[in-house]
Amino acid sequence: MTIIPGNKVRGSDSGRPIMALLDLLGRRWALRMLWELRAGPLTFRALQAACGDISPTVLNTRLAELRQAGIVGQGDEGYRLTDQGGELLAALMPLHDWAEGWAAAISAAGTRDRP
């Protein structure tokens, strides 16, 4: 199934761009793959190893979806984020920063709540 704005996606019949993006990023391993590609291109095997226990079938499927969406590309060095993929990762970084602060706050609160 092609996940692009304008098409019906899981959880939404509207085809709104944000709904298409959330469907794509909500698929198993999709965000992890983007995260692993943040530092530069990786071959199929290197990306598979970086993602831990992802099956080759799922990796292939996610790569196809992310390539169709224009977020990941493939070159001589392997798979890489496209310019749009890099912009998406940059847009997600404030969420990453928030999550780090949230984790620290939860940890600090947990320490205070212990007898």
PDB file of N, CA and C in Angstrom:
ATOM      1  N   MET A   1       0.839  -1.179   0.000  1.00  0.00           N
ATOM      2  CA  MET A   1       0.000   0.000   0.000  1.00  0.00           C
ATOM      3  C   MET A   1       0.885   1.243   0.000  1.00  0.00           C
ATOM      4  N   THR A   2       0.618   2.161  -0.878  1.00  0.00           N
ATOM      5  CA  THR A   2       1.376   3.390  -0.952  1.00  0.00           C
ATOM      6  C   THR A   2       0.848   4.371   0.084  1.00  0.00           C
ATOM      7  N   ILE A   3       1.740   4.859   0.922  1.00  0.00           N
ATOM      8  CA  ILE A   3       1.367   5.799   1.967  1.00  0.00           C
ATOM      9  C   ILE A   3       1.813   7.184   1.532  1.00  0.00           C
ATOM     10  N   ILE A   4       0.878   7.929   0.978  1.00  0.00           N
ATOM     11  CA  ILE A   4       1.156   9.305   0.567  1.00  0.00           C
ATOM     12  C   ILE A   4      -0.058  10.161   0.873  1.00  0.00           C
ATOM     13  N   PRO A   5       0.164  11.451   1.073  1.00  0.00           N
ATOM     14  CA  PRO A   5      -0.979  12.337   1.317  1.00  0.00           C
ATOM     15  C   PRO A   5      -2.004  12.223   0.196  1.00  0.00           C
ATOM     16  N   GLY A   6      -3.261  12.271   0.585  1.00  0.00           N
ATOM     17  CA  GLY A   6      -4.345  12.159  -0.383  1.00  0.00           C
ATOM     18  C   GLY A   6      -4.945  10.767  -0.442  1.00  0.00           C
ATOM     19  N   ASN A   7      -4.182   9.757   0.010  1.00  0.00           N
ATOM     20  CA  ASN A   7      -4.683   8.385   0.045  1.00  0.00           C
ATOM     21  C   ASN A   7      -5.222   8.061   1.426  1.00  0.00           C
ATOM     22  N   LYS A   8      -6.230   7.215   1.475  1.00  0.00           N
ATOM     23  CA  LYS A   8      -6.747   6.712   2.742  1.00  0.00           C
ATOM     24  C   LYS A   8      -5.625   5.958   3.450  1.00  0.00           C
ATOM     25  N   VAL A   9      -5.501   6.172   4.761  1.00  0.00           N
ATOM     26  CA  VAL A   9      -4.479   5.490   5.558  1.00  0.00           C
ATOM     27  C   VAL A   9      -5.135   4.878   6.783  1.00  0.00           C
ATOM     28  N   ARG A  10      -4.366   4.056   7.494  1.00  0.00           N
ATOM     29  CA  ARG A  10      -4.884   3.461   8.728  1.00  0.00           C
ATOM     30  C   ARG A  10      -5.322   4.566   9.672  1.00  0.00           C
ATOM     31  N   GLY A  11      -6.533   4.463  10.172  1.00  0.00           N
ATOM     32  CA  GLY A  11      -7.029   5.419  11.154  1.00  0.00           C
ATOM     33  C   GLY A  11      -7.582   6.697  10.582  1.00  0.00           C
ATOM     34  N   SER A  12      -7.563   6.878   9.272  1.00  0.00           N
ATOM     35  CA  SER A  12      -8.073   8.115   8.685  1.00  0.00           C
ATOM     36  C   SER A  12      -8.481   7.903   7.230  1.00  0.00           C
ATOM     37  N   ASP A  13      -9.660   8.344   6.929  1.00  0.00           N
ATOM     38  CA  ASP A  13     -10.132   8.321   5.539  1.00  0.00           C
ATOM     39  C   ASP A  13      -9.819   9.626   4.818  1.00  0.00           C
ATOM     40  N   SER A  14      -9.337  10.638   5.565  1.00  0.00           N
ATOM     41  CA  SER A  14      -9.180  11.983   5.003  1.00  0.00           C
ATOM     42  C   SER A  14      -8.021  12.113   4.027  1.00  0.00           C
ATOM     43  N   GLY A  15      -6.964  11.336   4.227  1.00  0.00           N
ATOM     44  CA  GLY A  15      -5.791  11.476   3.383  1.00  0.00           C
ATOM     45  C   GLY A  15      -4.982  12.721   3.696  1.00  0.00           C
ATOM     46  N   ARG A  16      -5.254  13.354   4.827  1.00  0.00           N
ATOM     47  CA  ARG A  16      -4.498  14.552   5.199  1.00  0.00           C
ATOM     48  C   ARG A  16      -3.023  14.191   5.364  1.00  0.00           C
ATOM     49  N   PRO A  17      -2.147  15.114   4.988  1.00  0.00           N
ATOM     50  CA  PRO A  17      -0.719  14.819   5.053  1.00  0.00           C
ATOM     51  C   PRO A  17      -0.246  14.361   6.435  1.00  0.00           C
ATOM     52  N   ILE A  18      -0.709  14.994   7.492  1.00  0.00           N
ATOM     53  CA  ILE A  18      -0.256  14.606   8.829  1.00  0.00           C
ATOM     54  C   ILE A  18      -0.691  13.182   9.162  1.00  0.00           C
ATOM     55  N   MET A  19      -1.877  12.787   8.720  1.00  0.00           N
ATOM     56  CA  MET A  19      -2.363  11.440   8.990  1.00  0.00           C
ATOM     57  C   MET A  19      -1.549  10.406   8.216  1.00  0.00           C
ATOM     58  N   ALA A  20      -1.191  10.737   6.978  1.00  0.00           N
ATOM     59  CA  ALA A  20      -0.356   9.830   6.188  1.00  0.00           C
ATOM     60  C   ALA A  20       1.021   9.683   6.848  1.00  0.00           C
ATOM     61  N   LEU A  21       1.594  10.797   7.301  1.00  0.00           N
ATOM     62  CA  LEU A  21       2.899  10.743   7.950  1.00  0.00           C
ATOM     63  C   LEU A  21       2.847   9.933   9.236  1.00  0.00           C
ATOM     64  N   LEU A  22       1.818  10.165  10.061  1.00  0.00           N
ATOM     65  CA  LEU A  22       1.710   9.427  11.314  1.00  0.00           C
ATOM     66  C   LEU A  22       1.505   7.936  11.067  1.00  0.00           C
ATOM     67  N   ASP A  23       0.770   7.591  10.028  1.00  0.00           N
ATOM     68  CA  ASP A  23       0.604   6.178   9.678  1.00  0.00           C
ATOM     69  C   ASP A  23       1.962   5.583   9.297  1.00  0.00           C
ATOM     70  N   LEU A  24       2.690   6.273   8.445  1.00  0.00           N
ATOM     71  CA  LEU A  24       3.991   5.779   7.992  1.00  0.00           C
ATOM     72  C   LEU A  24       4.971   5.636   9.159  1.00  0.00           C
ATOM     73  N   LEU A  25       5.074   6.655   9.985  1.00  0.00           N
ATOM     74  CA  LEU A  25       6.030   6.629  11.093  1.00  0.00           C
ATOM     75  C   LEU A  25       5.593   5.699  12.214  1.00  0.00           C
ATOM     76  N   GLY A  26       4.306   5.390  12.265  1.00  0.00           N
ATOM     77  CA  GLY A  26       3.794   4.494  13.293  1.00  0.00           C
ATOM     78  C   GLY A  26       3.978   3.024  12.972  1.00  0.00           C
ATOM     79  N   ARG A  27       4.465   2.737  11.806  1.00  0.00           N
ATOM     80  CA  ARG A  27       4.703   1.335  11.444  1.00  0.00           C
ATOM     81  C   ARG A  27       5.954   0.818  12.140  1.00  0.00           C
ATOM     82  N   ARG A  28       5.879  -0.465  12.498  1.00  0.00           N
ATOM     83  CA  ARG A  28       7.006  -1.069  13.213  1.00  0.00           C
ATOM     84  C   ARG A  28       8.329  -0.789  12.520  1.00  0.00           C
ATOM     85  N   TRP A  29       9.289  -0.342  13.283  1.00  0.00           N
ATOM     86  CA  TRP A  29      10.673  -0.118  12.882  1.00  0.00           C
ATOM     87  C   TRP A  29      10.908   1.143  12.057  1.00  0.00           C
ATOM     88  N   ALA A  30       9.889   1.814  11.580  1.00  0.00           N
ATOM     89  CA  ALA A  30      10.094   2.962  10.687  1.00  0.00           C
ATOM     90  C   ALA A  30      10.911   4.063  11.368  1.00  0.00           C
ATOM     91  N   LEU A  31      10.519   4.469  12.570  1.00  0.00           N
ATOM     92  CA  LEU A  31      11.262   5.521  13.263  1.00  0.00           C
ATOM     93  C   LEU A  31      12.679   5.073  13.616  1.00  0.00           C
ATOM     94  N   ARG A  32      12.817   3.841  14.011  1.00  0.00           N
ATOM     95  CA  ARG A  32      14.148   3.328  14.345  1.00  0.00           C
ATOM     96  C   ARG A  32      15.069   3.386  13.129  1.00  0.00           C
ATOM     97  N   MET A  33      14.524   3.049  11.973  1.00  0.00           N
ATOM     98  CA  MET A  33      15.330   3.086  10.760  1.00  0.00           C
ATOM     99  C   MET A  33      15.773   4.516  10.452  1.00  0.00           C
ATOM    100  N   LEU A  34      14.866   5.479  10.592  1.00  0.00           N
ATOM    101  CA  LEU A  34      15.230   6.876  10.365  1.00  0.00           C
ATOM    102  C   LEU A  34      16.319   7.302  11.342  1.00  0.00           C
ATOM    103  N   TRP A  35      16.159   6.900  12.600  1.00  0.00           N
ATOM    104  CA  TRP A  35      17.141   7.255  13.618  1.00  0.00           C
ATOM    105  C   TRP A  35      18.515   6.679  13.275  1.00  0.00           C
ATOM    106  N   GLU A  36      18.551   5.444  12.842  1.00  0.00           N
ATOM    107  CA  GLU A  36      19.825   4.799  12.523  1.00  0.00           C
ATOM    108  C   GLU A  36      20.488   5.416  11.292  1.00  0.00           C
ATOM    109  N   LEU A  37      19.702   5.994  10.403  1.00  0.00           N
ATOM    110  CA  LEU A  37      20.252   6.613   9.190  1.00  0.00           C
ATOM    111  C   LEU A  37      20.670   8.063   9.417  1.00  0.00           C
ATOM    112  N   ARG A  38      20.487   8.577  10.632  1.00  0.00           N
ATOM    113  CA  ARG A  38      20.763   9.986  10.902  1.00  0.00           C
ATOM    114  C   ARG A  38      22.230  10.358  10.682  1.00  0.00           C
ATOM    115  N   ALA A  39      23.144   9.431  10.923  1.00  0.00           N
ATOM    116  CA  ALA A  39      24.576   9.733  10.820  1.00  0.00           C
ATOM    117  C   ALA A  39      25.124   9.537   9.409  1.00  0.00           C
ATOM    118  N   GLY A  40      24.345   8.931   8.541  1.00  0.00           N
ATOM    119  CA  GLY A  40      24.823   8.728   7.185  1.00  0.00           C
ATOM    120  C   GLY A  40      24.333   7.414   6.606  1.00  0.00           C
ATOM    121  N   PRO A  41      24.716   7.140   5.370  1.00  0.00           N
ATOM    122  CA  PRO A  41      24.229   5.947   4.668  1.00  0.00           C
ATOM    123  C   PRO A  41      24.652   4.650   5.347  1.00  0.00           C
ATOM    124  N   LEU A  42      23.783   3.654   5.208  1.00  0.00           N
ATOM    125  CA  LEU A  42      24.066   2.310   5.697  1.00  0.00           C
ATOM    126  C   LEU A  42      23.632   1.298   4.642  1.00  0.00           C
ATOM    127  N   THR A  43      24.411   0.243   4.490  1.00  0.00           N
ATOM    128  CA  THR A  43      23.999  -0.841   3.608  1.00  0.00           C
ATOM    129  C   THR A  43      22.817  -1.574   4.249  1.00  0.00           C
ATOM    130  N   PHE A  44      22.180  -2.429   3.489  1.00  0.00           N
ATOM    131  CA  PHE A  44      21.050  -3.199   4.002  1.00  0.00           C
ATOM    132  C   PHE A  44      21.462  -3.959   5.258  1.00  0.00           C
ATOM    133  N   ARG A  45      22.576  -4.680   5.173  1.00  0.00           N
ATOM    134  CA  ARG A  45      23.031  -5.492   6.323  1.00  0.00           C
ATOM    135  C   ARG A  45      23.419  -4.622   7.518  1.00  0.00           C
ATOM    136  N   ALA A  46      24.060  -3.485   7.261  1.00  0.00           N
ATOM    137  CA  ALA A  46      24.443  -2.593   8.359  1.00  0.00           C
ATOM    138  C   ALA A  46      23.210  -1.994   9.025  1.00  0.00           C
ATOM    139  N   LEU A  47      22.210  -1.635   8.222  1.00  0.00           N
ATOM    140  CA  LEU A  47      20.966  -1.098   8.779  1.00  0.00           C
ATOM    141  C   LEU A  47      20.241  -2.176   9.575  1.00  0.00           C
ATOM    142  N   GLN A  48      20.228  -3.378   9.061  1.00  0.00           N
ATOM    143  CA  GLN A  48      19.602  -4.490   9.774  1.00  0.00           C
ATOM    144  C   GLN A  48      20.290  -4.713  11.117  1.00  0.00           C
ATOM    145  N   ALA A  49      21.610  -4.695  11.132  1.00  0.00           N
ATOM    146  CA  ALA A  49      22.358  -4.885  12.380  1.00  0.00           C
ATOM    147  C   ALA A  49      22.107  -3.738  13.349  1.00  0.00           C
ATOM    148  N   ALA A  50      22.047  -2.512  12.836  1.00  0.00           N
ATOM    149  CA  ALA A  50      21.823  -1.346  13.695  1.00  0.00           C
ATOM    150  C   ALA A  50      20.443  -1.387  14.343  1.00  0.00           C
ATOM    151  N   CYS A  51      19.499  -1.985  13.652  1.00  0.00           N
ATOM    152  CA  CYS A  51      18.120  -2.060  14.163  1.00  0.00           C
ATOM    153  C   CYS A  51      17.898  -3.258  15.080  1.00  0.00           C
ATOM    154  N   GLY A  52      18.893  -4.080  15.279  1.00  0.00           N
ATOM    155  CA  GLY A  52      18.728  -5.204  16.202  1.00  0.00           C
ATOM    156  C   GLY A  52      18.110  -6.405  15.532  1.00  0.00           C
ATOM    157  N   ASP A  53      16.919  -6.757  15.975  1.00  0.00           N
ATOM    158  CA  ASP A  53      16.333  -8.017  15.506  1.00  0.00           C
ATOM    159  C   ASP A  53      15.267  -7.843  14.425  1.00  0.00           C
ATOM    160  N   ILE A  54      15.386  -6.824  13.598  1.00  0.00           N
ATOM    161  CA  ILE A  54      14.434  -6.630  12.510  1.00  0.00           C
ATOM    162  C   ILE A  54      14.645  -7.726  11.461  1.00  0.00           C
ATOM    163  N   SER A  55      13.551  -8.277  10.982  1.00  0.00           N
ATOM    164  CA  SER A  55      13.663  -9.318   9.961  1.00  0.00           C
ATOM    165  C   SER A  55      13.963  -8.671   8.607  1.00  0.00           C
ATOM    166  N   PRO A  56      14.628  -9.395   7.721  1.00  0.00           N
ATOM    167  CA  PRO A  56      14.912  -8.850   6.394  1.00  0.00           C
ATOM    168  C   PRO A  56      13.638  -8.482   5.634  1.00  0.00           C
ATOM    169  N   THR A  57      12.582  -9.249   5.834  1.00  0.00           N
ATOM    170  CA  THR A  57      11.316  -8.977   5.149  1.00  0.00           C
ATOM    171  C   THR A  57      10.726  -7.649   5.596  1.00  0.00           C
ATOM    172  N   VAL A  58      10.700  -7.421   6.911  1.00  0.00           N
ATOM    173  CA  VAL A  58      10.159  -6.161   7.429  1.00  0.00           C
ATOM    174  C   VAL A  58      11.052  -5.000   7.017  1.00  0.00           C
ATOM    175  N   LEU A  59      12.359  -5.186   7.089  1.00  0.00           N
ATOM    176  CA  LEU A  59      13.283  -4.133   6.676  1.00  0.00           C
ATOM    177  C   LEU A  59      13.058  -3.767   5.219  1.00  0.00           C
ATOM    178  N   ASN A  60      12.926  -4.754   4.380  1.00  0.00           N
ATOM    179  CA  ASN A  60      12.673  -4.520   2.954  1.00  0.00           C
ATOM    180  C   ASN A  60      11.370  -3.768   2.736  1.00  0.00           C
ATOM    181  N   THR A  61      10.324  -4.169   3.446  1.00  0.00           N
ATOM    182  CA  THR A  61       9.022  -3.523   3.314  1.00  0.00           C
ATOM    183  C   THR A  61       9.087  -2.069   3.755  1.00  0.00           C
ATOM    184  N   ARG A  62       9.691  -1.821   4.916  1.00  0.00           N
ATOM    185  CA  ARG A  62       9.790  -0.437   5.432  1.00  0.00           C
ATOM    186  C   ARG A  62      10.650   0.418   4.505  1.00  0.00           C
ATOM    187  N   LEU A  63      11.744  -0.136   4.021  1.00  0.00           N
ATOM    188  CA  LEU A  63      12.578   0.629   3.088  1.00  0.00           C
ATOM    189  C   LEU A  63      11.797   0.999   1.839  1.00  0.00           C
ATOM    190  N   ALA A  64      11.012   0.079   1.327  1.00  0.00           N
ATOM    191  CA  ALA A  64      10.200   0.364   0.140  1.00  0.00           C
ATOM    192  C   ALA A  64       9.195   1.477   0.435  1.00  0.00           C
ATOM    193  N   GLU A  65       8.549   1.417   1.590  1.00  0.00           N
ATOM    194  CA  GLU A  65       7.568   2.450   1.959  1.00  0.00           C
ATOM    195  C   GLU A  65       8.242   3.809   2.135  1.00  0.00           C
ATOM    196  N   LEU A  66       9.369   3.826   2.819  1.00  0.00           N
ATOM    197  CA  LEU A  66      10.071   5.088   3.061  1.00  0.00           C
ATOM    198  C   LEU A  66      10.664   5.649   1.774  1.00  0.00           C
ATOM    199  N   ARG A  67      11.062   4.778   0.871  1.00  0.00           N
ATOM    200  CA  ARG A  67      11.558   5.242  -0.438  1.00  0.00           C
ATOM    201  C   ARG A  67      10.417   5.810  -1.269  1.00  0.00           C
ATOM    202  N   GLN A  68       9.277   5.128  -1.278  1.00  0.00           N
ATOM    203  CA  GLN A  68       8.116   5.636  -2.010  1.00  0.00           C
ATOM    204  C   GLN A  68       7.674   6.989  -1.490  1.00  0.00           C
ATOM    205  N   ALA A  69       7.813   7.182  -0.196  1.00  0.00           N
ATOM    206  CA  ALA A  69       7.404   8.442   0.424  1.00  0.00           C
ATOM    207  C   ALA A  69       8.441   9.544   0.220  1.00  0.00           C
ATOM    208  N   GLY A  70       9.607   9.203  -0.331  1.00  0.00           N
ATOM    209  CA  GLY A  70      10.633  10.200  -0.583  1.00  0.00           C
ATOM    210  C   GLY A  70      11.447  10.570   0.644  1.00  0.00           C
ATOM    211  N   ILE A  71      11.417   9.729   1.679  1.00  0.00           N
ATOM    212  CA  ILE A  71      12.126  10.005   2.929  1.00  0.00           C
ATOM    213  C   ILE A  71      13.493   9.331   2.953  1.00  0.00           C
ATOM    214  N   VAL A  72      13.589   8.182   2.323  1.00  0.00           N
ATOM    215  CA  VAL A  72      14.849   7.428   2.241  1.00  0.00           C
ATOM    216  C   VAL A  72      15.179   7.217   0.773  1.00  0.00           C
ATOM    217  N   GLY A  73      16.449   7.302   0.461  1.00  0.00           N
ATOM    218  CA  GLY A  73      16.920   7.038  -0.889  1.00  0.00           C
ATOM    219  C   GLY A  73      17.996   5.967  -0.840  1.00  0.00           C
ATOM    220  N   GLN A  74      18.427   5.543  -2.013  1.00  0.00           N
ATOM    221  CA  GLN A  74      19.467   4.523  -2.099  1.00  0.00           C
ATOM    222  C   GLN A  74      20.523   4.988  -3.076  1.00  0.00           C
ATOM    223  N   GLY A  75      21.777   4.869  -2.664  1.00  0.00           N
ATOM    224  CA  GLY A  75      22.895   5.245  -3.520  1.00  0.00           C
ATOM    225  C   GLY A  75      23.977   4.200  -3.456  1.00  0.00           C
ATOM    226  N   ASP A  76      25.151   4.556  -3.942  1.00  0.00           N
ATOM    227  CA  ASP A  76      26.284   3.630  -3.970  1.00  0.00           C
ATOM    228  C   ASP A  76      26.701   3.180  -2.570  1.00  0.00           C
ATOM    229  N   GLU A  77      26.529   4.055  -1.574  1.00  0.00           N
ATOM    230  CA  GLU A  77      26.963   3.741  -0.210  1.00  0.00           C
ATOM    231  C   GLU A  77      25.892   3.026   0.593  1.00  0.00           C
ATOM    232  N   GLY A  78      24.700   2.893   0.050  1.00  0.00           N
ATOM    233  CA  GLY A  78      23.611   2.233   0.763  1.00  0.00           C
ATOM    234  C   GLY A  78      22.392   3.130   0.879  1.00  0.00           C
ATOM    235  N   TYR A  79      21.610   2.883   1.899  1.00  0.00           N
ATOM    236  CA  TYR A  79      20.403   3.665   2.133  1.00  0.00           C
ATOM    237  C   TYR A  79      20.752   4.905   2.937  1.00  0.00           C
ATOM    238  N   ARG A  80      20.078   6.001   2.607  1.00  0.00           N
ATOM    239  CA  ARG A  80      20.353   7.277   3.262  1.00  0.00           C
ATOM    240  C   ARG A  80      19.055   8.084   3.348  1.00  0.00           C
ATOM    241  N   LEU A  81      19.076   9.065   4.243  1.00  0.00           N
ATOM    242  CA  LEU A  81      17.950   9.991   4.296  1.00  0.00           C
ATOM    243  C   LEU A  81      18.039  10.926   3.099  1.00  0.00           C
ATOM    244  N   THR A  82      16.900  11.188   2.470  1.00  0.00           N
ATOM    245  CA  THR A  82      16.854  12.202   1.418  1.00  0.00           C
ATOM    246  C   THR A  82      16.840  13.574   2.090  1.00  0.00           C
ATOM    247  N   ASP A  83      16.829  14.626   1.294  1.00  0.00           N
ATOM    248  CA  ASP A  83      16.714  15.967   1.873  1.00  0.00           C
ATOM    249  C   ASP A  83      15.437  16.070   2.710  1.00  0.00           C
ATOM    250  N   GLN A  84      14.327  15.524   2.178  1.00  0.00           N
ATOM    251  CA  GLN A  84      13.075  15.543   2.942  1.00  0.00           C
ATOM    252  C   GLN A  84      13.193  14.699   4.203  1.00  0.00           C
ATOM    253  N   GLY A  85      13.892  13.587   4.122  1.00  0.00           N
ATOM    254  CA  GLY A  85      14.102  12.751   5.296  1.00  0.00           C
ATOM    255  C   GLY A  85      14.907  13.475   6.353  1.00  0.00           C
ATOM    256  N   GLY A  86      15.913  14.223   5.936  1.00  0.00           N
ATOM    257  CA  GLY A  86      16.707  15.022   6.859  1.00  0.00           C
ATOM    258  C   GLY A  86      15.871  16.118   7.511  1.00  0.00           C
ATOM    259  N   GLU A  87      14.991  16.739   6.724  1.00  0.00           N
ATOM    260  CA  GLU A  87      14.088  17.759   7.277  1.00  0.00           C
ATOM    261  C   GLU A  87      13.138  17.138   8.294  1.00  0.00           C
ATOM    262  N   LEU A  88      12.651  15.948   7.993  1.00  0.00           N
ATOM    263  CA  LEU A  88      11.764  15.255   8.923  1.00  0.00           C
ATOM    264  C   LEU A  88      12.504  14.949  10.221  1.00  0.00           C
ATOM    265  N   LEU A  89      13.717  14.433  10.128  1.00  0.00           N
ATOM    266  CA  LEU A  89      14.491  14.131  11.324  1.00  0.00           C
ATOM    267  C   LEU A  89      14.741  15.403  12.134  1.00  0.00           C
ATOM    268  N   ALA A  90      15.046  16.505  11.466  1.00  0.00           N
ATOM    269  CA  ALA A  90      15.250  17.783  12.166  1.00  0.00           C
ATOM    270  C   ALA A  90      13.967  18.218  12.871  1.00  0.00           C
ATOM    271  N   ALA A  91      12.822  17.985  12.236  1.00  0.00           N
ATOM    272  CA  ALA A  91      11.541  18.346  12.849  1.00  0.00           C
ATOM    273  C   ALA A  91      11.242  17.470  14.063  1.00  0.00           C
ATOM    274  N   LEU A  92      11.758  16.249  14.069  1.00  0.00           N
ATOM    275  CA  LEU A  92      11.526  15.336  15.185  1.00  0.00           C
ATOM    276  C   LEU A  92      12.479  15.581  16.359  1.00  0.00           C
ATOM    277  N   MET A  93      13.577  16.279  16.141  1.00  0.00           N
ATOM    278  CA  MET A  93      14.565  16.478  17.200  1.00  0.00           C
ATOM    279  C   MET A  93      14.005  17.220  18.420  1.00  0.00           C
ATOM    280  N   PRO A  94      13.144  18.223  18.272  1.00  0.00           N
ATOM    281  CA  PRO A  94      12.555  18.819  19.475  1.00  0.00           C
ATOM    282  C   PRO A  94      11.745  17.802  20.287  1.00  0.00           C
ATOM    283  N   LEU A  95      11.122  16.865  19.637  1.00  0.00           N
ATOM    284  CA  LEU A  95      10.405  15.799  20.336  1.00  0.00           C
ATOM    285  C   LEU A  95      11.404  14.909  21.080  1.00  0.00           C
ATOM    286  N   HIS A  96      12.524  14.628  20.466  1.00  0.00           N
ATOM    287  CA  HIS A  96      13.591  13.861  21.109  1.00  0.00           C
ATOM    288  C   HIS A  96      14.075  14.600  22.360  1.00  0.00           C
ATOM    289  N   ASP A  97      14.317  15.899  22.222  1.00  0.00           N
ATOM    290  CA  ASP A  97      14.783  16.689  23.360  1.00  0.00           C
ATOM    291  C   ASP A  97      13.750  16.687  24.486  1.00  0.00           C
ATOM    292  N   TRP A  98      12.481  16.839  24.132  1.00  0.00           N
ATOM    293  CA  TRP A  98      11.418  16.808  25.133  1.00  0.00           C
ATOM    294  C   TRP A  98      11.414  15.456  25.850  1.00  0.00           C
ATOM    295  N   ALA A  99      11.549  14.372  25.099  1.00  0.00           N
ATOM    296  CA  ALA A  99      11.531  13.034  25.686  1.00  0.00           C
ATOM    297  C   ALA A  99      12.698  12.837  26.652  1.00  0.00           C
ATOM    298  N   GLU A 100      13.865  13.379  26.329  1.00  0.00           N
ATOM    299  CA  GLU A 100      15.012  13.292  27.228  1.00  0.00           C
ATOM    300  C   GLU A 100      14.711  14.008  28.547  1.00  0.00           C
ATOM    301  N   GLY A 101      14.125  15.206  28.462  1.00  0.00           N
ATOM    302  CA  GLY A 101      13.751  15.947  29.665  1.00  0.00           C
ATOM    303  C   GLY A 101      12.679  15.229  30.468  1.00  0.00           C
ATOM    304  N   TRP A 102      11.744  14.650  29.775  1.00  0.00           N
ATOM    305  CA  TRP A 102      10.661  13.888  30.415  1.00  0.00           C
ATOM    306  C   TRP A 102      11.246  12.697  31.171  1.00  0.00           C
ATOM    307  N   ALA A 103      12.154  11.970  30.528  1.00  0.00           N
ATOM    308  CA  ALA A 103      12.777  10.807  31.170  1.00  0.00           C
ATOM    309  C   ALA A 103      13.546  11.233  32.421  1.00  0.00           C
ATOM    310  N   ALA A 104      14.253  12.356  32.328  1.00  0.00           N
ATOM    311  CA  ALA A 104      15.002  12.845  33.493  1.00  0.00           C
ATOM    312  C   ALA A 104      14.051  13.230  34.623  1.00  0.00           C
ATOM    313  N   ALA A 105      12.933  13.875  34.277  1.00  0.00           N
ATOM    314  CA  ALA A 105      11.954  14.276  35.295  1.00  0.00           C
ATOM    315  C   ALA A 105      11.320  13.058  35.952  1.00  0.00           C
ATOM    316  N   ILE A 106      10.996  12.051  35.165  1.00  0.00           N
ATOM    317  CA  ILE A 106      10.407  10.819  35.701  1.00  0.00           C
ATOM    318  C   ILE A 106      11.401  10.128  36.623  1.00  0.00           C
ATOM    319  N   SER A 107      12.652  10.088  36.196  1.00  0.00           N
ATOM    320  CA  SER A 107      13.691   9.454  36.999  1.00  0.00           C
ATOM    321  C   SER A 107      13.872  10.196  38.323  1.00  0.00           C
ATOM    322  N   ALA A 108      13.915  11.513  38.257  1.00  0.00           N
ATOM    323  CA  ALA A 108      14.082  12.321  39.470  1.00  0.00           C
ATOM    324  C   ALA A 108      12.876  12.155  40.388  1.00  0.00           C
ATOM    325  N   ALA A 109      11.693  12.128  39.830  1.00  0.00           N
ATOM    326  CA  ALA A 109      10.478  11.938  40.639  1.00  0.00           C
ATOM    327  C   ALA A 109      10.469  10.564  41.274  1.00  0.00           C
ATOM    328  N   GLY A 110      10.921   9.570  40.564  1.00  0.00           N
ATOM    329  CA  GLY A 110      10.980   8.213  41.084  1.00  0.00           C
ATOM    330  C   GLY A 110      11.947   8.089  42.242  1.00  0.00           C
ATOM    331  N   THR A 111      13.043   8.820  42.160  1.00  0.00           N
ATOM    332  CA  THR A 111      14.037   8.813  43.233  1.00  0.00           C
ATOM    333  C   THR A 111      13.476   9.457  44.494  1.00  0.00           C
ATOM    334  N   ARG A 112      12.720  10.541  44.324  1.00  0.00           N
ATOM    335  CA  ARG A 112      12.123  11.232  45.472  1.00  0.00           C
ATOM    336  C   ARG A 112      11.037  10.401  46.129  1.00  0.00           C
ATOM    337  N   ASP A 113      10.342   9.583  45.333  1.00  0.00           N
ATOM    338  CA  ASP A 113       9.215   8.806  45.861  1.00  0.00           C
ATOM    339  C   ASP A 113       9.644   7.533  46.583  1.00  0.00           C
ATOM    340  N   ARG A 114      10.921   7.187  46.498  1.00  0.00           N
ATOM    341  CA  ARG A 114      11.395   5.961  47.150  1.00  0.00           C
ATOM    342  C   ARG A 114      11.566   6.202  48.653  1.00  0.00           C
ATOM    343  N   PRO A 115      11.272   5.172  49.470  1.00  0.00           N
ATOM    344  CA  PRO A 115      11.444   5.330  50.926  1.00  0.00           C
ATOM    345  C   PRO A 115      12.890   5.426  51.315  1.00  0.00           C
TER     346      PRO A 115
END
